């Protein structure tokens, strides 16, 4: 019997939402707190693995799932922890590869700072389909955060309450 070692929040009634890019200009800022390489699955049936060559079932398509500590809480969701998942695949993978090269980094490791903006969308190639999306991606190493990260952690994090200690023991 195998025991899950990753995110188990779904077991307790919650899960980490994914980053949503609804319209061009939408941007997410955050710090990578964990990442996991996963196979891509069919959107309608997650038990079906996607392959580069479906006929031979060779080379499954992969994606990097990065959990980000984000910059803005959802004010309408009292359970918002500020964590969001970013699914890096397709054109976004190329955009991240270029950003990592520009930053002279080899990997998207925990602690890496990221800024991802939905830049544009191609016209759909077929009716009923979406066009390819393109992103403007910037990354910074953990030890050289961007200017916007100087007031980190985000405002939604709960600060630990300090209790005053009495001058003398109570006994």
N, C-alpha and C. Protein backbone atom coordinates (compact mmCIF):
# COMPACT_ATOMS: atom_id res chain seq x y z
N UNK A 1 0.83 -1.17 0.00
CA UNK A 1 0.00 0.00 0.00
C UNK A 1 0.88 1.24 0.00
N UNK A 2 0.60 2.16 -0.90
CA UNK A 2 1.41 3.37 -0.95
C UNK A 2 0.75 4.48 -0.15
N UNK A 3 1.57 5.32 0.40
CA UNK A 3 1.10 6.45 1.19
C UNK A 3 1.45 7.72 0.43
N UNK A 4 0.46 8.64 0.20
CA UNK A 4 0.76 9.87 -0.51
C UNK A 4 1.73 10.73 0.28
N UNK A 5 2.67 11.32 -0.43
CA UNK A 5 3.65 12.16 0.23
C UNK A 5 3.52 13.63 -0.16
N UNK A 6 2.69 13.94 -1.14
CA UNK A 6 2.53 15.32 -1.59
C UNK A 6 1.42 16.02 -0.84
N UNK A 7 0.75 16.91 -1.52
CA UNK A 7 -0.34 17.68 -0.95
C UNK A 7 -1.51 16.76 -0.59
N UNK A 8 -1.91 16.79 0.66
CA UNK A 8 -3.03 15.97 1.11
C UNK A 8 -4.20 16.83 1.55
N UNK A 9 -4.21 18.12 1.19
CA UNK A 9 -5.27 19.01 1.63
C UNK A 9 -6.64 18.58 1.13
N UNK A 10 -6.72 17.94 -0.04
CA UNK A 10 -8.01 17.48 -0.55
C UNK A 10 -8.64 16.46 0.40
N UNK A 11 -7.81 15.70 1.08
CA UNK A 11 -8.29 14.72 2.04
C UNK A 11 -9.06 15.40 3.18
N UNK A 12 -8.64 16.63 3.51
CA UNK A 12 -9.24 17.36 4.61
C UNK A 12 -10.30 18.37 4.13
N UNK A 13 -10.73 18.25 2.90
CA UNK A 13 -11.82 19.08 2.42
C UNK A 13 -11.40 20.32 1.67
N UNK A 14 -10.16 20.49 1.39
CA UNK A 14 -9.71 21.66 0.66
C UNK A 14 -8.64 21.30 -0.33
N UNK A 15 -8.41 22.16 -1.26
CA UNK A 15 -7.32 21.95 -2.20
C UNK A 15 -6.78 23.30 -2.59
N UNK A 16 -5.63 23.30 -3.17
CA UNK A 16 -5.00 24.54 -3.59
C UNK A 16 -5.52 24.89 -4.98
N UNK A 17 -6.11 26.08 -5.14
CA UNK A 17 -6.66 26.44 -6.44
C UNK A 17 -5.55 26.73 -7.45
N UNK A 18 -5.90 26.64 -8.72
CA UNK A 18 -4.92 26.95 -9.76
C UNK A 18 -5.00 28.43 -10.11
N UNK A 19 -3.89 28.94 -10.63
CA UNK A 19 -3.84 30.32 -11.10
C UNK A 19 -4.78 30.43 -12.30
N UNK A 20 -5.56 31.49 -12.33
CA UNK A 20 -6.48 31.69 -13.44
C UNK A 20 -6.07 32.94 -14.21
N UNK A 21 -5.89 32.77 -15.52
CA UNK A 21 -5.60 33.88 -16.41
C UNK A 21 -6.82 34.05 -17.30
N UNK A 22 -7.74 34.92 -16.91
CA UNK A 22 -9.00 35.09 -17.64
C UNK A 22 -8.86 35.99 -18.85
N UNK A 23 -8.07 37.04 -18.73
CA UNK A 23 -7.92 37.97 -19.86
C UNK A 23 -6.48 38.47 -19.93
N UNK A 24 -6.11 38.96 -21.11
CA UNK A 24 -4.75 39.44 -21.29
C UNK A 24 -4.47 40.53 -20.25
N UNK A 25 -3.26 40.52 -19.76
CA UNK A 25 -2.86 41.45 -18.72
C UNK A 25 -2.95 40.86 -17.33
N UNK A 26 -3.74 39.80 -17.16
CA UNK A 26 -3.81 39.14 -15.84
C UNK A 26 -2.40 38.68 -15.47
N UNK A 27 -2.03 38.94 -14.21
CA UNK A 27 -0.66 38.67 -13.76
C UNK A 27 -0.69 38.00 -12.39
N UNK A 28 0.23 37.08 -12.19
CA UNK A 28 0.43 36.50 -10.86
C UNK A 28 1.88 36.76 -10.47
N UNK A 29 2.04 37.18 -9.21
CA UNK A 29 3.35 37.39 -8.62
C UNK A 29 3.46 36.42 -7.45
N UNK A 30 4.60 35.81 -7.27
CA UNK A 30 4.70 34.91 -6.14
C UNK A 30 6.07 34.28 -5.99
N UNK A 31 6.14 33.49 -4.94
CA UNK A 31 7.36 32.77 -4.60
C UNK A 31 7.04 31.28 -4.66
N UNK A 32 7.88 30.53 -5.36
CA UNK A 32 7.70 29.08 -5.47
C UNK A 32 8.00 28.46 -4.11
N UNK A 33 7.02 27.70 -3.59
CA UNK A 33 7.28 27.02 -2.33
C UNK A 33 7.47 25.52 -2.51
N UNK A 34 6.93 25.00 -3.61
CA UNK A 34 7.21 23.61 -3.97
C UNK A 34 6.87 23.42 -5.44
N UNK A 35 7.45 22.36 -6.01
CA UNK A 35 7.14 22.05 -7.41
C UNK A 35 7.22 20.56 -7.60
N UNK A 36 6.44 20.10 -8.61
CA UNK A 36 6.36 18.66 -8.86
C UNK A 36 6.19 18.45 -10.35
N UNK A 37 6.96 17.53 -10.91
CA UNK A 37 6.83 17.16 -12.31
C UNK A 37 5.75 16.08 -12.41
N UNK A 38 4.74 16.31 -13.27
CA UNK A 38 3.63 15.36 -13.42
C UNK A 38 3.37 15.12 -14.90
N UNK A 39 2.75 13.98 -15.19
CA UNK A 39 2.31 13.74 -16.56
C UNK A 39 1.04 14.54 -16.80
N UNK A 40 0.84 14.97 -18.05
CA UNK A 40 -0.39 15.66 -18.41
C UNK A 40 -1.47 14.62 -18.65
N UNK A 41 -2.68 14.97 -18.25
CA UNK A 41 -3.80 14.07 -18.44
C UNK A 41 -4.90 14.76 -19.23
N UNK A 42 -5.80 13.97 -19.77
CA UNK A 42 -6.93 14.48 -20.52
C UNK A 42 -7.81 15.33 -19.62
N UNK A 43 -8.25 16.49 -20.11
CA UNK A 43 -9.04 17.39 -19.29
C UNK A 43 -10.39 16.79 -18.92
N UNK A 44 -10.96 15.96 -19.78
CA UNK A 44 -12.26 15.34 -19.51
C UNK A 44 -12.15 14.04 -18.72
N UNK A 45 -11.02 13.36 -18.84
CA UNK A 45 -10.82 12.10 -18.12
C UNK A 45 -9.38 12.04 -17.59
N UNK A 46 -9.18 12.47 -16.34
CA UNK A 46 -7.83 12.53 -15.80
C UNK A 46 -7.14 11.19 -15.63
N UNK A 47 -7.82 10.09 -15.94
CA UNK A 47 -7.15 8.79 -15.88
C UNK A 47 -6.41 8.50 -17.18
N UNK A 48 -6.61 9.33 -18.20
CA UNK A 48 -5.97 9.14 -19.51
C UNK A 48 -4.74 10.04 -19.60
N UNK A 49 -3.58 9.42 -19.76
CA UNK A 49 -2.32 10.15 -19.92
C UNK A 49 -2.18 10.63 -21.35
N UNK A 50 -1.69 11.84 -21.54
CA UNK A 50 -1.44 12.38 -22.88
C UNK A 50 -0.01 12.05 -23.30
N UNK A 51 0.15 11.69 -24.58
CA UNK A 51 1.46 11.32 -25.12
C UNK A 51 1.78 12.19 -26.33
N UNK A 52 3.09 12.38 -26.60
CA UNK A 52 3.50 13.09 -27.80
C UNK A 52 3.13 12.28 -29.03
N UNK A 53 3.21 10.97 -28.92
CA UNK A 53 2.79 10.09 -30.00
C UNK A 53 1.76 9.12 -29.44
N UNK A 54 0.47 9.46 -29.54
CA UNK A 54 -0.57 8.62 -28.92
C UNK A 54 -0.64 7.21 -29.49
N UNK A 55 -0.23 7.03 -30.75
CA UNK A 55 -0.31 5.70 -31.36
C UNK A 55 0.65 4.71 -30.69
N UNK A 56 1.85 5.16 -30.39
CA UNK A 56 2.84 4.27 -29.78
C UNK A 56 2.88 4.40 -28.26
N UNK A 57 2.18 5.41 -27.74
CA UNK A 57 2.18 5.70 -26.31
C UNK A 57 3.60 5.86 -25.78
N UNK A 58 4.41 6.53 -26.58
CA UNK A 58 5.78 6.85 -26.21
C UNK A 58 5.84 8.30 -25.74
N UNK A 59 6.75 8.57 -24.84
CA UNK A 59 7.00 9.92 -24.37
C UNK A 59 5.74 10.64 -23.87
N UNK A 60 5.35 10.41 -22.64
CA UNK A 60 4.20 11.14 -22.10
C UNK A 60 4.50 12.64 -22.02
N UNK A 61 3.48 13.44 -22.22
CA UNK A 61 3.62 14.89 -22.08
C UNK A 61 3.73 15.20 -20.59
N UNK A 62 4.69 16.05 -20.26
CA UNK A 62 4.93 16.39 -18.85
C UNK A 62 4.53 17.84 -18.60
N UNK A 63 4.32 18.15 -17.34
CA UNK A 63 4.06 19.51 -16.91
C UNK A 63 4.69 19.70 -15.54
N UNK A 64 5.08 20.92 -15.24
CA UNK A 64 5.60 21.25 -13.93
C UNK A 64 4.49 21.96 -13.17
N UNK A 65 4.14 21.43 -12.01
CA UNK A 65 3.11 22.06 -11.17
C UNK A 65 3.85 22.77 -10.05
N UNK A 66 3.82 24.11 -10.09
CA UNK A 66 4.51 24.93 -9.08
C UNK A 66 3.47 25.50 -8.13
N UNK A 67 3.68 25.31 -6.85
CA UNK A 67 2.82 25.92 -5.84
C UNK A 67 3.46 27.25 -5.45
N UNK A 68 2.67 28.31 -5.61
CA UNK A 68 3.16 29.66 -5.34
C UNK A 68 2.51 30.25 -4.11
N UNK A 69 3.30 30.97 -3.34
CA UNK A 69 2.76 31.86 -2.33
C UNK A 69 2.52 33.16 -3.09
N UNK A 70 1.26 33.57 -3.24
CA UNK A 70 0.92 34.67 -4.14
C UNK A 70 0.80 36.00 -3.41
N UNK A 71 0.68 37.05 -4.20
CA UNK A 71 0.70 38.41 -3.67
C UNK A 71 -0.65 38.93 -3.21
N UNK A 72 -1.74 38.36 -3.69
CA UNK A 72 -3.05 38.90 -3.33
C UNK A 72 -3.99 37.81 -2.87
N UNK A 73 -4.62 38.01 -1.71
CA UNK A 73 -5.63 37.05 -1.27
C UNK A 73 -6.94 37.31 -2.00
N UNK A 74 -7.78 36.30 -2.04
CA UNK A 74 -9.13 36.46 -2.57
C UNK A 74 -9.99 36.93 -1.40
N UNK A 75 -10.34 38.20 -1.41
CA UNK A 75 -11.08 38.80 -0.29
C UNK A 75 -12.44 38.14 -0.08
N UNK A 76 -12.98 37.49 -1.11
CA UNK A 76 -14.31 36.87 -1.00
C UNK A 76 -14.24 35.45 -0.45
N UNK A 77 -13.03 34.91 -0.28
CA UNK A 77 -12.87 33.53 0.19
C UNK A 77 -12.17 33.52 1.53
N UNK A 78 -12.91 33.23 2.59
CA UNK A 78 -12.32 33.24 3.93
C UNK A 78 -11.30 32.13 4.14
N UNK A 79 -11.31 31.12 3.28
CA UNK A 79 -10.36 30.01 3.40
C UNK A 79 -9.14 30.18 2.52
N UNK A 80 -9.02 31.35 1.87
CA UNK A 80 -7.88 31.56 0.98
C UNK A 80 -6.59 31.62 1.78
N UNK A 81 -5.68 30.74 1.44
CA UNK A 81 -4.38 30.70 2.12
C UNK A 81 -3.32 31.50 1.38
N UNK A 82 -3.66 31.99 0.18
CA UNK A 82 -2.67 32.71 -0.62
C UNK A 82 -1.84 31.78 -1.48
N UNK A 83 -2.10 30.48 -1.40
CA UNK A 83 -1.37 29.53 -2.22
C UNK A 83 -2.15 29.28 -3.51
N UNK A 84 -1.43 29.21 -4.62
CA UNK A 84 -2.05 28.88 -5.91
C UNK A 84 -1.10 27.98 -6.68
N UNK A 85 -1.68 27.12 -7.51
CA UNK A 85 -0.88 26.22 -8.34
C UNK A 85 -0.79 26.78 -9.75
N UNK A 86 0.41 26.77 -10.28
CA UNK A 86 0.67 27.21 -11.65
C UNK A 86 1.10 25.98 -12.44
N UNK A 87 0.33 25.66 -13.49
CA UNK A 87 0.61 24.49 -14.32
C UNK A 87 1.42 24.95 -15.53
N UNK A 88 2.69 24.59 -15.55
CA UNK A 88 3.62 25.05 -16.58
C UNK A 88 3.75 23.97 -17.64
N UNK A 89 3.22 24.28 -18.82
CA UNK A 89 3.24 23.33 -19.94
C UNK A 89 3.04 24.13 -21.22
N UNK A 90 3.20 23.47 -22.35
CA UNK A 90 2.96 24.12 -23.64
C UNK A 90 3.84 25.35 -23.86
N UNK A 91 3.23 26.40 -24.41
CA UNK A 91 3.99 27.63 -24.67
C UNK A 91 4.53 28.24 -23.38
N UNK A 92 3.82 28.07 -22.27
CA UNK A 92 4.31 28.62 -21.01
C UNK A 92 5.64 27.98 -20.63
N UNK A 93 5.83 26.71 -20.96
CA UNK A 93 7.11 26.06 -20.67
C UNK A 93 8.24 26.76 -21.42
N UNK A 94 8.00 27.08 -22.69
CA UNK A 94 9.02 27.81 -23.47
C UNK A 94 9.28 29.18 -22.86
N UNK A 95 8.22 29.86 -22.43
CA UNK A 95 8.39 31.19 -21.83
C UNK A 95 9.19 31.10 -20.53
N UNK A 96 8.96 30.07 -19.73
CA UNK A 96 9.74 29.88 -18.51
C UNK A 96 11.19 29.52 -18.83
N UNK A 97 11.39 28.69 -19.84
CA UNK A 97 12.76 28.32 -20.24
C UNK A 97 13.56 29.57 -20.61
N UNK A 98 12.95 30.44 -21.41
CA UNK A 98 13.63 31.68 -21.81
C UNK A 98 13.89 32.58 -20.61
N UNK A 99 12.93 32.69 -19.69
CA UNK A 99 13.11 33.53 -18.50
C UNK A 99 14.23 32.98 -17.60
N UNK A 100 14.29 31.66 -17.45
CA UNK A 100 15.35 31.06 -16.64
C UNK A 100 16.72 31.33 -17.26
N UNK A 101 16.82 31.21 -18.57
CA UNK A 101 18.09 31.50 -19.25
C UNK A 101 18.51 32.94 -19.04
N UNK A 102 17.54 33.85 -19.19
CA UNK A 102 17.82 35.28 -19.02
C UNK A 102 18.32 35.58 -17.61
N UNK A 103 17.76 34.88 -16.62
CA UNK A 103 18.16 35.07 -15.22
C UNK A 103 19.39 34.25 -14.85
N UNK A 104 19.93 33.52 -15.83
CA UNK A 104 21.09 32.64 -15.62
C UNK A 104 20.82 31.58 -14.55
N UNK A 105 19.60 31.03 -14.64
CA UNK A 105 19.19 29.96 -13.72
C UNK A 105 18.93 28.70 -14.53
N UNK A 106 19.07 27.55 -13.88
CA UNK A 106 18.87 26.29 -14.58
C UNK A 106 17.56 25.61 -14.23
N UNK A 107 16.94 26.01 -13.10
CA UNK A 107 15.75 25.30 -12.64
C UNK A 107 14.86 26.26 -11.85
N UNK A 108 13.62 25.90 -11.76
CA UNK A 108 12.64 26.65 -10.97
C UNK A 108 12.56 25.95 -9.61
N UNK A 109 13.35 26.40 -8.68
CA UNK A 109 13.45 25.73 -7.38
C UNK A 109 12.63 26.48 -6.32
N UNK A 110 12.31 25.81 -5.22
CA UNK A 110 11.62 26.52 -4.14
C UNK A 110 12.44 27.74 -3.72
N UNK A 111 11.72 28.84 -3.51
CA UNK A 111 12.37 30.11 -3.19
C UNK A 111 12.47 31.04 -4.38
N UNK A 112 12.36 30.49 -5.60
CA UNK A 112 12.41 31.31 -6.81
C UNK A 112 11.21 32.24 -6.84
N UNK A 113 11.44 33.48 -7.23
CA UNK A 113 10.38 34.48 -7.38
C UNK A 113 9.92 34.48 -8.83
N UNK A 114 8.62 34.54 -9.06
CA UNK A 114 8.10 34.52 -10.43
C UNK A 114 7.05 35.60 -10.63
N UNK A 115 7.03 36.09 -11.86
CA UNK A 115 5.99 37.01 -12.32
C UNK A 115 5.55 36.51 -13.68
N UNK A 116 4.26 36.17 -13.80
CA UNK A 116 3.73 35.63 -15.04
C UNK A 116 2.54 36.47 -15.46
N UNK A 117 2.62 37.00 -16.68
CA UNK A 117 1.54 37.81 -17.23
C UNK A 117 0.99 37.14 -18.48
N UNK A 118 -0.34 37.03 -18.58
CA UNK A 118 -0.99 36.52 -19.78
C UNK A 118 -0.87 37.63 -20.82
N UNK A 119 0.01 37.42 -21.82
CA UNK A 119 0.37 38.48 -22.77
C UNK A 119 -0.53 38.51 -24.01
N UNK A 120 -0.82 37.34 -24.58
CA UNK A 120 -1.63 37.33 -25.80
C UNK A 120 -2.18 35.93 -26.04
N UNK A 121 -3.14 35.87 -26.99
CA UNK A 121 -3.74 34.59 -27.36
C UNK A 121 -3.91 34.57 -28.86
N UNK A 122 -3.43 33.50 -29.50
CA UNK A 122 -3.60 33.34 -30.94
C UNK A 122 -5.06 33.05 -31.28
N UNK A 123 -5.42 33.29 -32.52
CA UNK A 123 -6.75 32.92 -32.98
C UNK A 123 -6.86 31.40 -32.96
N UNK A 124 -8.02 30.87 -32.59
CA UNK A 124 -8.18 29.40 -32.57
C UNK A 124 -8.00 28.81 -33.97
N UNK A 125 -7.40 27.63 -34.03
CA UNK A 125 -7.20 26.95 -35.32
C UNK A 125 -8.45 26.22 -35.77
N UNK A 126 -9.32 25.87 -34.79
CA UNK A 126 -10.58 25.19 -35.10
C UNK A 126 -11.69 25.80 -34.25
N UNK A 127 -12.90 25.72 -34.77
CA UNK A 127 -14.04 26.20 -34.02
C UNK A 127 -14.22 25.35 -32.76
N UNK A 128 -14.54 26.01 -31.65
CA UNK A 128 -14.74 25.31 -30.39
C UNK A 128 -13.47 25.12 -29.59
N UNK A 129 -12.33 25.51 -30.14
CA UNK A 129 -11.06 25.37 -29.44
C UNK A 129 -10.56 26.76 -29.04
N UNK A 130 -9.66 26.79 -28.10
CA UNK A 130 -9.01 28.04 -27.72
C UNK A 130 -7.72 28.18 -28.52
N UNK A 131 -7.30 29.42 -28.69
CA UNK A 131 -6.01 29.67 -29.34
C UNK A 131 -4.87 29.47 -28.36
N UNK A 132 -3.68 29.34 -28.90
CA UNK A 132 -2.49 29.18 -28.06
C UNK A 132 -2.27 30.46 -27.25
N UNK A 133 -1.94 30.29 -25.99
CA UNK A 133 -1.69 31.43 -25.10
C UNK A 133 -0.20 31.67 -24.95
N UNK A 134 0.15 32.94 -24.84
CA UNK A 134 1.56 33.33 -24.66
C UNK A 134 1.67 34.17 -23.40
N UNK A 135 2.78 34.00 -22.71
CA UNK A 135 2.97 34.64 -21.42
C UNK A 135 4.28 35.40 -21.37
N UNK A 136 4.28 36.48 -20.60
CA UNK A 136 5.52 37.19 -20.31
C UNK A 136 5.94 36.70 -18.93
N UNK A 137 7.10 36.06 -18.86
CA UNK A 137 7.55 35.44 -17.61
C UNK A 137 8.88 36.06 -17.19
N UNK A 138 8.97 36.37 -15.90
CA UNK A 138 10.24 36.81 -15.32
C UNK A 138 10.47 35.99 -14.07
N UNK A 139 11.72 35.64 -13.82
CA UNK A 139 12.09 34.87 -12.63
C UNK A 139 13.32 35.50 -11.98
N UNK A 140 13.40 35.34 -10.66
CA UNK A 140 14.52 35.83 -9.89
C UNK A 140 14.92 34.76 -8.89
N UNK A 141 16.22 34.60 -8.64
CA UNK A 141 16.65 33.61 -7.65
C UNK A 141 16.22 34.04 -6.24
N UNK A 142 16.16 33.07 -5.35
CA UNK A 142 15.71 33.33 -3.98
C UNK A 142 16.53 34.41 -3.28
N UNK A 143 17.82 34.46 -3.59
CA UNK A 143 18.69 35.43 -2.90
C UNK A 143 18.74 36.80 -3.57
N UNK A 144 17.96 37.01 -4.63
CA UNK A 144 17.92 38.31 -5.32
C UNK A 144 16.48 38.63 -5.72
N UNK A 145 15.61 38.86 -4.73
CA UNK A 145 14.19 39.07 -5.04
C UNK A 145 13.95 40.36 -5.82
N UNK A 146 12.84 40.41 -6.57
CA UNK A 146 12.50 41.63 -7.31
C UNK A 146 12.02 42.72 -6.35
N UNK A 147 11.90 43.92 -6.86
CA UNK A 147 11.48 45.07 -6.05
C UNK A 147 10.12 44.82 -5.41
N UNK A 148 9.18 44.24 -6.17
CA UNK A 148 7.84 44.03 -5.62
C UNK A 148 7.82 43.07 -4.45
N UNK A 149 8.87 42.30 -4.24
CA UNK A 149 8.89 41.32 -3.15
C UNK A 149 9.49 41.89 -1.86
N UNK A 150 9.84 43.15 -1.86
CA UNK A 150 10.49 43.72 -0.68
C UNK A 150 9.56 43.84 0.52
N UNK A 151 8.27 43.87 0.30
CA UNK A 151 7.31 43.91 1.41
C UNK A 151 6.70 42.54 1.66
N UNK A 152 7.44 41.50 1.34
CA UNK A 152 6.98 40.14 1.53
C UNK A 152 7.18 39.78 2.98
N UNK A 153 6.36 39.00 3.62
CA UNK A 153 5.28 38.20 3.10
C UNK A 153 4.04 39.02 2.79
N UNK A 154 3.15 38.45 1.98
CA UNK A 154 1.94 39.17 1.60
C UNK A 154 1.09 39.53 2.81
N UNK A 155 0.20 40.49 2.61
CA UNK A 155 -0.61 41.01 3.70
C UNK A 155 -1.58 40.01 4.30
N UNK A 156 -1.91 38.93 3.57
CA UNK A 156 -2.90 37.99 4.09
C UNK A 156 -2.33 37.00 5.09
N UNK A 157 -1.02 36.93 5.19
CA UNK A 157 -0.44 35.98 6.14
C UNK A 157 -0.75 36.45 7.55
N UNK A 158 -1.13 35.53 8.38
CA UNK A 158 -1.44 35.90 9.76
C UNK A 158 -0.13 36.05 10.52
N UNK A 159 -0.03 37.14 11.22
CA UNK A 159 1.16 37.36 12.02
C UNK A 159 0.98 36.64 13.34
N UNK A 160 2.05 36.12 13.86
CA UNK A 160 1.95 35.42 15.13
C UNK A 160 1.76 36.46 16.22
N UNK A 161 0.76 36.24 17.03
CA UNK A 161 0.47 37.19 18.10
C UNK A 161 1.54 37.07 19.19
N UNK A 162 1.95 38.21 19.65
CA UNK A 162 2.92 38.20 20.74
C UNK A 162 2.16 38.46 22.03
N UNK A 163 2.41 37.63 22.98
CA UNK A 163 1.77 37.83 24.27
C UNK A 163 2.80 38.43 25.20
N UNK A 164 2.33 39.38 25.98
CA UNK A 164 3.24 40.02 26.91
C UNK A 164 3.57 39.06 28.04
N UNK A 165 4.80 39.01 28.37
CA UNK A 165 5.25 38.17 29.48
C UNK A 165 5.21 39.00 30.76
N UNK A 166 4.66 38.43 31.81
CA UNK A 166 4.65 39.19 33.08
C UNK A 166 6.08 39.38 33.58
N UNK A 167 6.25 40.46 34.34
CA UNK A 167 7.57 40.76 34.87
C UNK A 167 8.04 39.69 35.85
N UNK A 168 7.08 39.12 36.57
CA UNK A 168 7.43 38.11 37.58
C UNK A 168 6.63 36.84 37.30
N UNK A 169 7.18 35.71 37.65
CA UNK A 169 6.41 34.48 37.51
C UNK A 169 5.14 34.55 38.35
N UNK A 170 4.08 33.85 37.91
CA UNK A 170 2.82 33.94 38.63
C UNK A 170 2.78 33.13 39.92
N UNK A 171 3.85 32.53 40.34
CA UNK A 171 3.83 31.74 41.59
C UNK A 171 4.77 32.31 42.61
